[in-house]
Amino acid sequence: MSATFAARWWRELDRPGWRSFAIAMVALGVALLLALYSGAAAESGRLWLAGGSALAALALAGWVALTIVPALARRTPLRWLAYQIDYKLTREGIIYIAGVFVVALAALNTGNNLLFLVLACLLAGIIVSGVLSRLVLTGLEMRIELPEHVFAAQPIRALIELRNEKQHLPSFSLRVVGEDKKSRAQILTRPVYFPYVPRRQAVGQGVELVFPRRGVYRQESFGIRTRFPFGFLQKTRRVNSDLELVVYPRVEPTEEFYEILPLVSGELESFSRGRGHDLYAIREYQPTDSARFVDWKASAKTGALKVREFTREDERRVMLVLDPFLAASATGKDAEERFERGVTLCACLAWHFYEIDSVLAFRTAGFETPLAPAGEVIYDVLRHLALVEATPAAREQKFLAQLAEDTHIFKIILTGQPRGSIPTSLWTSSYFVFLESL
């Protein structure tokens, strides 16, 4: 066992550090000899030799201080003592300090040596608690892993990892907490407990996170907190962070989604039927059929109206449109909630077309995706929906008028405009979802 310990010690030995330490000791030993020789030379009256020896000793000591000492300091765990740590007195600590004051008053009034001994032990406990808790917090590195895609109101599993870089000492009883107390959009909202982190090892802890709303969540800092060993003080070491997370809107089907999906599917099927050029079949006329597809020859032969049905070139081509401009009358919290429901419905529709492998295009003011398989653009769409904001009415008519130019593709338009303001040409190739009805 001793051989194994010696082999491990030799393998983990910091040879460059020990080499620098040895050079420093030799140099300082030479400087000490020069200083002693300088004193002897001064006593014998050789002042020039004494001054030269003293200057040489000073120069040698200065060289060690400026070159070797900083290098050794960078290699030693003592650099971790420079961490900024915040202190908070706990309820237990208040009771303990009150007891210390009582014992101190009793010792001073009575002069009893036993009470002074008890007082010294109590004060030593405070010192020991401070030193140990600070050592526990030093030498720690933190890392957090989050899923690539996160949806609102959907639980996710995050991983928080603490790595103990100390050479010899473990860390005990740690909590990782979010320090952005004033921010509502912080990522970590509850503490994560680590009972034990061995030396030179990493420990990961899973935590379930739920983000109630879409948007950007940021964490500017974390806190590594401990009450080890006695719980008198709560010490928190602040760890700066630039973590940012984009949370997509919900994609679980809502009541509004189930209400409009059959209508959307019917409109899309009606629009797609007959968009091809190859004859598929001749069938009976139905009231929903357009008169331009009536086959007059077949109708004359059979004595009943017949229509031509063509092959569908691509019946799942759709453009999803979110109109972010609100009507002039739409103001207040109710309008904001309707817009949020519209964004959620838009995300549900986009996810639905992704699941059925549609060819999808998305368009809104200032952003659009090309017509492509939904799997290629879905996360770009969701990312934009996570950040989109309602805009007061300004150029809504121009935005909707531009959509009328795309007559070759079926459009699902979610808009906050009143029904009477919709360009007439859009009705033939679009299905409208009005936010005022959500």
Protein backbone atom coordinates (compact mmCIF):
# COMPACT_ATOMS: atom_id res chain seq x y z
CA MET A 1 0.00 0.00 0.00
CA SER A 2 2.89 2.37 0.82
CA ALA A 3 4.44 1.56 -2.58
CA THR A 4 1.15 2.44 -4.28
CA PHE A 5 0.93 5.72 -2.37
CA ALA A 6 4.54 6.57 -3.26
CA ALA A 7 3.92 5.78 -6.94
CA ARG A 8 0.82 7.94 -7.02
CA TRP A 9 2.65 10.76 -5.22
CA TRP A 10 5.51 10.57 -7.73
CA ARG A 11 3.08 10.54 -10.65
CA GLU A 12 1.14 13.58 -9.39
CA LEU A 13 4.28 15.47 -8.37
CA ASP A 14 4.52 18.96 -9.81
CA ARG A 15 8.11 18.71 -11.00
CA PRO A 16 8.42 22.19 -12.58
CA GLY A 17 7.04 23.74 -9.40
CA TRP A 18 9.46 21.86 -7.16
CA ARG A 19 12.32 22.77 -9.50
CA SER A 20 11.45 26.47 -9.20
CA PHE A 21 11.17 26.09 -5.43
CA ALA A 22 14.63 24.50 -5.24
CA ILE A 23 16.18 27.27 -7.36
CA ALA A 24 14.55 29.86 -5.10
CA MET A 25 15.91 28.18 -1.95
CA VAL A 26 19.42 28.00 -3.40
CA ALA A 27 19.31 31.65 -4.48
CA LEU A 28 18.01 32.80 -1.11
CA GLY A 29 20.69 30.71 0.64
CA VAL A 30 23.39 32.43 -1.43
CA ALA A 31 21.78 35.81 -0.63
CA LEU A 32 21.90 34.94 3.09
CA LEU A 33 25.60 34.04 2.88
CA LEU A 34 26.31 37.30 1.05
CA ALA A 35 24.43 39.24 3.72
CA LEU A 36 26.40 37.53 6.51
CA TYR A 37 29.65 38.17 4.66
CA SER A 38 28.65 41.83 4.25
CA GLY A 39 28.21 42.17 8.00
CA ALA A 40 31.60 40.56 8.68
CA ALA A 41 33.30 42.79 6.09
CA ALA A 42 31.75 45.92 7.64
CA GLU A 43 33.07 44.98 11.09
CA SER A 44 36.59 44.55 9.68
CA GLY A 45 36.47 47.96 7.99
CA ARG A 46 36.20 46.81 4.36
CA LEU A 47 33.24 49.04 3.56
CA TRP A 48 33.36 48.73 -0.24
CA LEU A 49 33.32 44.95 -0.07
CA ALA A 50 30.55 45.03 2.52
CA GLY A 51 28.41 47.34 0.35
CA GLY A 52 28.94 45.22 -2.75
CA SER A 53 28.00 42.04 -0.92
CA ALA A 54 24.90 43.66 0.52
CA LEU A 55 23.79 44.94 -2.90
CA ALA A 56 24.40 41.50 -4.43
CA ALA A 57 22.34 39.83 -1.68
CA LEU A 58 19.53 42.38 -2.18
CA ALA A 59 19.58 41.93 -5.97
CA LEU A 60 19.46 38.14 -5.64
CA ALA A 61 16.54 38.29 -3.22
CA GLY A 62 14.73 40.76 -5.50
CA TRP A 63 15.20 38.47 -8.49
CA VAL A 64 13.62 35.62 -6.57
CA ALA A 65 10.73 37.84 -5.47
CA LEU A 66 10.00 39.15 -8.97
CA THR A 67 10.45 36.00 -11.05
CA ILE A 68 10.13 32.79 -9.06
CA VAL A 69 7.64 33.76 -6.34
CA PRO A 70 4.85 34.81 -8.79
CA ALA A 71 5.36 31.58 -10.76
CA LEU A 72 5.02 29.54 -7.56
CA ALA A 73 2.01 31.55 -6.47
CA ARG A 74 0.23 30.72 -9.73
CA ARG A 75 0.79 27.01 -9.07
CA THR A 76 -0.37 26.97 -5.47
CA PRO A 77 -3.97 26.72 -4.21
CA LEU A 78 -3.36 29.87 -2.17
CA ARG A 79 -4.49 31.88 -5.20
CA TRP A 80 -8.01 30.69 -4.46
CA LEU A 81 -8.03 32.65 -1.22
CA ALA A 82 -8.49 35.81 -3.29
CA TYR A 83 -12.08 34.88 -4.21
CA GLN A 84 -14.76 37.36 -3.19
CA ILE A 85 -17.04 35.70 -0.65
CA ASP A 86 -20.20 37.20 0.87
CA TYR A 87 -21.10 36.47 4.49
CA LYS A 88 -24.52 36.21 6.10
CA LEU A 89 -25.09 35.41 9.77
CA THR A 90 -27.56 32.57 10.28
CA ARG A 91 -30.04 32.17 13.13
CA GLU A 92 -27.81 29.51 14.67
CA GLY A 93 -24.87 31.88 14.41
CA ILE A 94 -26.76 34.65 16.20
CA ILE A 95 -27.61 32.28 19.06
CA TYR A 96 -23.99 31.10 19.23
CA ILE A 97 -22.58 34.65 19.35
CA ALA A 98 -25.10 35.60 22.02
CA GLY A 99 -23.84 32.65 24.06
CA VAL A 100 -20.24 33.78 23.52
CA PHE A 101 -21.10 37.25 24.88
CA VAL A 102 -22.76 35.72 27.94
CA VAL A 103 -19.71 33.57 28.66
CA ALA A 104 -17.40 36.55 28.06
CA LEU A 105 -19.31 38.71 30.56
CA ALA A 106 -19.33 35.91 33.11
CA ALA A 107 -15.58 35.35 32.69
CA LEU A 108 -14.78 39.05 33.07
CA ASN A 109 -16.99 39.48 36.12
CA THR A 110 -15.84 36.37 37.96
CA GLY A 111 -12.25 36.02 36.77
CA ASN A 112 -12.77 32.25 36.62
CA ASN A 113 -10.00 30.61 34.56
CA LEU A 114 -12.33 27.80 33.46
CA LEU A 115 -14.73 30.32 31.93
CA PHE A 116 -11.83 31.96 30.09
CA LEU A 117 -10.87 28.53 28.77
CA VAL A 118 -14.46 27.91 27.60
CA LEU A 119 -14.52 31.37 25.99
CA ALA A 120 -11.28 30.63 24.13
CA CYS A 121 -12.76 27.38 22.80
CA LEU A 122 -15.92 29.18 21.65
CA LEU A 123 -13.91 31.85 19.83
CA ALA A 124 -11.68 29.18 18.31
CA GLY A 125 -14.82 27.48 16.97
CA ILE A 126 -15.74 30.66 15.08
CA ILE A 127 -12.24 30.91 13.60
CA VAL A 128 -12.20 27.24 12.62
CA SER A 129 -15.64 27.58 11.04
CA GLY A 130 -14.48 30.56 8.96
CA VAL A 131 -11.29 28.92 7.75
CA LEU A 132 -12.91 25.58 6.87
CA SER A 133 -15.87 27.10 5.05
CA ARG A 134 -13.57 29.31 3.00
CA LEU A 135 -11.42 26.32 2.05
CA VAL A 136 -14.59 24.47 1.03
CA LEU A 137 -15.56 27.26 -1.39
CA THR A 138 -12.14 27.70 -2.98
CA GLY A 139 -10.78 25.79 -5.93
CA LEU A 140 -14.22 25.09 -7.44
CA GLU A 141 -15.20 25.45 -11.09
CA MET A 142 -18.84 25.33 -12.19
CA ARG A 143 -20.36 24.26 -15.50
CA ILE A 144 -24.01 24.02 -16.57
CA GLU A 145 -25.41 22.06 -19.52
CA LEU A 146 -28.83 22.84 -21.01
CA PRO A 147 -30.74 21.19 -23.87
CA GLU A 148 -30.36 22.80 -27.27
CA HIS A 149 -34.11 23.32 -27.73
CA VAL A 150 -36.31 24.42 -24.82
CA PHE A 151 -40.08 24.99 -24.92
CA ALA A 152 -42.20 27.05 -22.54
CA ALA A 153 -44.09 25.13 -19.82
CA GLN A 154 -42.24 21.92 -20.74
CA PRO A 155 -39.91 20.46 -18.05
CA ILE A 156 -36.29 19.98 -19.11
CA ARG A 157 -33.36 18.25 -17.47
CA ALA A 158 -30.29 20.42 -16.91
CA LEU A 159 -26.91 19.28 -15.58
CA ILE A 160 -24.90 21.37 -13.13
CA GLU A 161 -21.34 20.21 -12.55
CA LEU A 162 -18.90 21.28 -9.85
CA ARG A 163 -15.23 20.43 -10.29
CA ASN A 164 -12.88 20.53 -7.30
CA GLU A 165 -9.43 21.66 -8.50
CA LYS A 166 -7.83 21.48 -5.04
CA GLN A 167 -4.88 19.09 -4.80
CA HIS A 168 -5.62 17.55 -1.42
CA LEU A 169 -8.90 18.80 0.11
CA PRO A 170 -12.48 17.79 -0.75
CA SER A 171 -15.48 20.13 -0.47
CA PHE A 172 -18.62 19.48 1.56
CA SER A 173 -22.24 20.60 1.70
CA LEU A 174 -22.47 23.01 -1.23
CA ARG A 175 -25.46 24.65 -2.87
CA VAL A 176 -25.53 26.28 -6.30
CA VAL A 177 -28.08 29.10 -6.43
CA GLY A 178 -29.11 31.81 -8.87
CA GLU A 179 -27.92 35.22 -7.75
CA ASP A 180 -30.06 37.44 -10.03
CA LYS A 181 -32.77 38.03 -7.46
CA LYS A 182 -34.17 41.13 -9.18
CA SER A 183 -34.55 39.42 -12.55
CA ARG A 184 -37.69 37.40 -13.26
CA ALA A 185 -36.10 35.82 -16.34
CA GLN A 186 -33.31 33.95 -14.60
CA ILE A 187 -32.49 30.37 -15.45
CA LEU A 188 -31.80 28.75 -12.08
CA THR A 189 -34.65 29.48 -9.67
CA ARG A 190 -34.00 26.90 -6.93
CA PRO A 191 -30.83 25.67 -5.19
CA VAL A 192 -29.01 22.49 -6.24
CA TYR A 193 -27.31 20.58 -3.42
CA PHE A 194 -23.91 18.85 -3.59
CA PRO A 195 -23.13 16.91 -0.40
CA TYR A 196 -19.56 15.99 -1.34
CA VAL A 197 -17.09 16.90 -4.10
CA PRO A 198 -13.84 14.86 -3.95
CA ARG A 199 -10.48 16.46 -4.64
CA ARG A 200 -9.50 16.80 -8.30
CA GLN A 201 -12.84 15.33 -9.39
CA ALA A 202 -16.10 16.59 -10.86
CA VAL A 203 -19.60 15.85 -9.59
CA GLY A 204 -22.72 16.45 -11.68
CA GLN A 205 -26.23 16.99 -10.37
CA GLY A 206 -29.36 16.90 -12.51
CA VAL A 207 -32.08 19.50 -11.97
CA GLU A 208 -35.51 19.89 -13.53
CA LEU A 209 -36.26 23.36 -14.88
CA VAL A 210 -39.53 24.78 -16.18
CA PHE A 211 -39.83 28.14 -17.95
CA PRO A 212 -43.38 29.50 -17.79
CA ARG A 213 -43.19 31.87 -20.78
CA ARG A 214 -41.40 32.21 -24.08
CA GLY A 215 -38.50 34.63 -24.44
CA VAL A 216 -34.87 35.06 -23.51
CA TYR A 217 -33.69 33.93 -20.08
CA ARG A 218 -30.32 35.11 -18.78
CA GLN A 219 -28.18 34.25 -15.79
CA GLU A 220 -25.57 36.90 -15.03
CA SER A 221 -24.20 35.14 -11.99
CA PHE A 222 -24.46 32.01 -9.87
CA GLY A 223 -23.66 31.56 -6.20
CA ILE A 224 -21.83 28.61 -4.63
CA ARG A 225 -23.09 28.60 -1.04
CA THR A 226 -22.23 26.67 2.11
CA ARG A 227 -22.87 26.61 5.85
CA PHE A 228 -20.16 24.07 6.50
CA PRO A 229 -19.06 23.07 9.13
CA PHE A 230 -21.20 24.45 12.00
CA GLY A 231 -23.86 26.54 10.26
CA PHE A 232 -22.93 29.79 12.02
CA LEU A 233 -22.32 31.69 8.78
CA GLN A 234 -23.77 31.32 5.31
CA LYS A 235 -20.96 32.01 2.85
CA THR A 236 -21.61 32.59 -0.84
CA ARG A 237 -19.01 32.78 -3.56
CA ARG A 238 -20.24 34.65 -6.64
CA VAL A 239 -19.50 33.09 -10.04
CA ASN A 240 -20.04 35.40 -13.01
CA SER A 241 -21.87 33.96 -16.00
CA ASP A 242 -22.96 35.00 -19.48
CA LEU A 243 -25.47 32.15 -19.87
CA GLU A 244 -28.38 32.94 -22.18
CA LEU A 245 -31.26 30.66 -23.16
CA VAL A 246 -33.95 31.17 -25.80
CA VAL A 247 -37.23 29.52 -24.76
CA TYR A 248 -39.60 28.67 -27.62
CA PRO A 249 -43.38 29.06 -27.30
CA ARG A 250 -45.46 26.06 -26.28
CA VAL A 251 -46.12 23.55 -29.05
CA GLU A 252 -48.57 21.31 -27.20
CA PRO A 253 -51.95 21.59 -28.93
CA THR A 254 -54.25 24.16 -27.35
CA GLU A 255 -58.05 24.39 -27.45
CA GLU A 256 -57.81 27.00 -30.21
CA PHE A 257 -55.57 24.65 -32.21
CA TYR A 258 -58.08 21.80 -32.06
CA GLU A 259 -60.87 24.18 -33.07
CA ILE A 260 -59.21 25.56 -36.20
CA LEU A 261 -57.22 22.52 -37.38
CA PRO A 262 -60.16 20.86 -39.19
CA LEU A 263 -61.02 24.18 -40.83
CA VAL A 264 -57.42 24.77 -41.88
CA SER A 265 -57.11 21.24 -43.24
CA GLY A 266 -60.32 21.63 -45.24
CA GLU A 267 -59.27 24.98 -46.70
CA LEU A 268 -55.83 23.64 -47.57
CA GLU A 269 -57.31 20.57 -49.26
CA SER A 270 -59.77 22.69 -51.22
CA PHE A 271 -57.02 25.04 -52.35
CA SER A 272 -54.63 22.24 -53.26
CA ARG A 273 -57.16 20.22 -55.23
CA GLY A 274 -56.78 20.97 -58.92
CA ARG A 275 -53.55 22.90 -58.64
CA GLY A 276 -51.77 20.35 -60.88
CA HIS A 277 -51.92 19.97 -64.66
CA ASP A 278 -52.44 16.20 -65.15
CA LEU A 279 -56.02 14.89 -65.26
CA TYR A 280 -56.71 12.59 -62.34
CA ALA A 281 -60.45 11.79 -62.60
CA ILE A 282 -63.90 13.03 -63.64
CA ARG A 283 -66.45 12.98 -60.85
CA GLU A 284 -69.81 14.39 -59.83
CA TYR A 285 -70.08 18.13 -59.29
CA GLN A 286 -70.22 19.30 -55.68
CA PRO A 287 -71.44 22.69 -54.44
CA THR A 288 -67.93 23.61 -53.28
CA ASP A 289 -66.37 23.05 -56.73
CA SER A 290 -65.39 25.95 -58.94
CA ALA A 291 -67.27 26.33 -62.24
CA ARG A 292 -64.02 26.57 -64.18
CA PHE A 293 -63.37 22.83 -63.59
CA VAL A 294 -66.71 21.69 -65.07
CA ASP A 295 -66.20 19.20 -67.92
CA TRP A 296 -68.99 20.26 -70.28
CA LYS A 297 -68.55 17.34 -72.69
CA ALA A 298 -68.86 14.73 -69.95
CA SER A 299 -71.77 16.68 -68.47
CA ALA A 300 -73.59 16.69 -71.84
CA LYS A 301 -73.12 12.93 -72.30
CA THR A 302 -74.34 11.97 -68.86
CA GLY A 303 -76.92 14.66 -68.38
CA ALA A 304 -75.38 15.67 -65.01
CA LEU A 305 -72.69 18.14 -64.12
CA LYS A 306 -69.22 16.61 -64.06
CA VAL A 307 -65.94 18.22 -62.99
CA ARG A 308 -62.35 17.47 -63.82
CA GLU A 309 -60.01 16.65 -60.89
CA PHE A 310 -56.30 17.06 -61.43
CA THR A 311 -53.32 15.51 -59.71
CA ARG A 312 -51.89 17.47 -56.80
CA GLU A 313 -48.36 18.65 -57.32
CA ASP A 314 -47.78 19.16 -53.61
CA GLU A 315 -50.81 19.27 -51.37
CA ARG A 316 -48.80 20.15 -48.22
CA ARG A 317 -47.22 23.41 -49.30
CA VAL A 318 -48.21 26.13 -46.88
CA MET A 319 -47.07 29.57 -45.78
CA LEU A 320 -47.58 30.43 -42.12
CA VAL A 321 -47.89 34.17 -41.50
CA LEU A 322 -47.88 36.07 -38.22
CA ASP A 323 -48.98 39.68 -38.54
CA PRO A 324 -47.37 41.46 -35.56
CA PHE A 325 -49.21 44.74 -36.15
CA LEU A 326 -52.10 45.26 -33.78
CA ALA A 327 -55.23 47.20 -34.59
CA ALA A 328 -55.35 50.77 -33.35
CA SER A 329 -58.13 49.84 -30.92
CA ALA A 330 -56.17 46.90 -29.46
CA THR A 331 -54.50 48.24 -26.34
CA GLY A 332 -53.93 47.17 -22.78
CA LYS A 333 -53.22 43.88 -21.10
CA ASP A 334 -56.06 42.05 -22.87
CA ALA A 335 -54.50 42.80 -26.28
CA GLU A 336 -51.11 41.55 -25.06
CA GLU A 337 -52.65 38.29 -23.82
CA ARG A 338 -54.44 37.78 -27.15
CA PHE A 339 -51.18 38.33 -28.99
CA GLU A 340 -49.44 35.77 -26.76
CA ARG A 341 -52.18 33.25 -27.50
CA GLY A 342 -51.73 34.01 -31.20
CA VAL A 343 -47.98 33.37 -30.97
CA THR A 344 -48.61 30.08 -29.16
CA LEU A 345 -51.15 29.03 -31.78
CA CYS A 346 -48.71 29.94 -34.54
CA ALA A 347 -46.04 27.76 -32.90
CA CYS A 348 -48.52 24.86 -32.59
CA LEU A 349 -49.38 25.12 -36.29
CA ALA A 350 -45.72 25.26 -37.30
CA TRP A 351 -44.99 22.18 -35.19
CA HIS A 352 -47.99 20.37 -36.68
CA PHE A 353 -46.73 20.93 -40.23
CA TYR A 354 -43.28 19.82 -39.09
CA GLU A 355 -44.70 16.57 -37.73
CA ILE A 356 -46.55 15.75 -40.98
CA ASP A 357 -43.48 16.59 -43.12
CA SER A 358 -45.01 19.57 -44.89
CA VAL A 359 -43.19 22.05 -47.07
CA LEU A 360 -43.34 25.21 -45.01
CA ALA A 361 -42.57 28.89 -45.36
CA PHE A 362 -42.88 31.40 -42.53
CA ARG A 363 -43.28 35.13 -42.82
CA THR A 364 -43.69 38.07 -40.51
CA ALA A 365 -42.60 41.68 -40.48
CA GLY A 366 -38.81 41.79 -40.90
CA PHE A 367 -38.32 38.03 -41.04
CA GLU A 368 -39.11 35.21 -43.45
CA THR A 369 -37.89 31.75 -44.28
CA PRO A 370 -37.68 30.16 -47.73
CA LEU A 371 -40.15 27.50 -48.79
CA ALA A 372 -38.47 24.31 -47.63
CA PRO A 373 -39.17 21.05 -45.79
CA ALA A 374 -40.46 22.00 -42.37
CA GLY A 375 -37.67 20.11 -40.64
CA GLU A 376 -35.13 22.52 -42.12
CA VAL A 377 -36.80 25.74 -40.94
CA ILE A 378 -38.84 24.78 -37.88
CA TYR A 379 -36.31 25.89 -35.27
CA ASP A 380 -35.64 29.18 -37.07
CA VAL A 381 -39.39 29.79 -36.95
CA LEU A 382 -39.67 28.88 -33.27
CA ARG A 383 -36.65 31.00 -32.38
CA HIS A 384 -38.22 34.03 -34.01
CA LEU A 385 -41.56 33.33 -32.34
CA ALA A 386 -39.75 33.22 -29.00
CA LEU A 387 -38.55 36.80 -29.53
CA VAL A 388 -41.36 38.45 -31.52
CA GLU A 389 -43.21 41.35 -29.96
CA ALA A 390 -46.47 43.05 -30.81
CA THR A 391 -46.13 46.28 -32.81
CA PRO A 392 -48.62 49.17 -32.82
CA ALA A 393 -50.51 49.60 -36.09
CA ALA A 394 -48.30 51.41 -38.59
CA ARG A 395 -47.85 49.66 -41.94
CA GLU A 396 -50.16 46.68 -41.54
CA GLN A 397 -52.00 47.25 -44.81
CA LYS A 398 -48.73 47.27 -46.75
CA PHE A 399 -47.62 44.05 -45.03
CA LEU A 400 -50.85 42.22 -45.87
CA ALA A 401 -50.92 43.63 -49.40
CA GLN A 402 -47.49 42.13 -50.07
CA LEU A 403 -48.85 38.70 -49.15
CA ALA A 404 -51.50 38.95 -51.86
CA GLU A 405 -48.76 38.66 -54.50
CA ASP A 406 -48.09 35.02 -53.51
CA THR A 407 -51.10 33.35 -55.10
CA HIS A 408 -49.37 30.02 -55.76
CA ILE A 409 -49.28 28.92 -52.11
CA PHE A 410 -51.90 28.54 -49.42
CA LYS A 411 -51.43 30.93 -46.50
CA ILE A 412 -52.52 30.70 -42.88
CA ILE A 413 -52.50 34.24 -41.54
CA LEU A 414 -52.78 35.14 -37.87
CA THR A 415 -53.59 38.83 -37.62
CA GLY A 416 -54.84 41.39 -35.16
CA GLN A 417 -56.44 43.53 -37.85
CA PRO A 418 -60.24 43.88 -38.11
CA ARG A 419 -61.99 41.79 -40.76
CA GLY A 420 -62.94 44.76 -42.91
CA SER A 421 -59.33 45.84 -43.43
CA ILE A 422 -58.16 42.61 -45.15
CA PRO A 423 -57.32 42.98 -48.86
CA THR A 424 -59.95 41.17 -50.92
CA SER A 425 -57.39 39.32 -53.04
CA LEU A 426 -56.09 37.47 -49.96
CA TRP A 427 -59.35 35.70 -49.17
CA THR A 428 -59.11 33.34 -52.15
CA SER A 429 -55.76 31.87 -51.14
CA SER A 430 -55.65 32.28 -47.37
CA TYR A 431 -57.20 31.18 -44.14
CA PHE A 432 -57.39 33.91 -41.50
CA VAL A 433 -57.18 33.53 -37.74
CA PHE A 434 -58.18 36.79 -36.06
CA LEU A 435 -56.56 37.44 -32.71
CA GLU A 436 -59.68 39.15 -31.45
CA SER A 437 -61.45 35.76 -31.55
CA LEU A 438 -58.83 33.94 -29.46
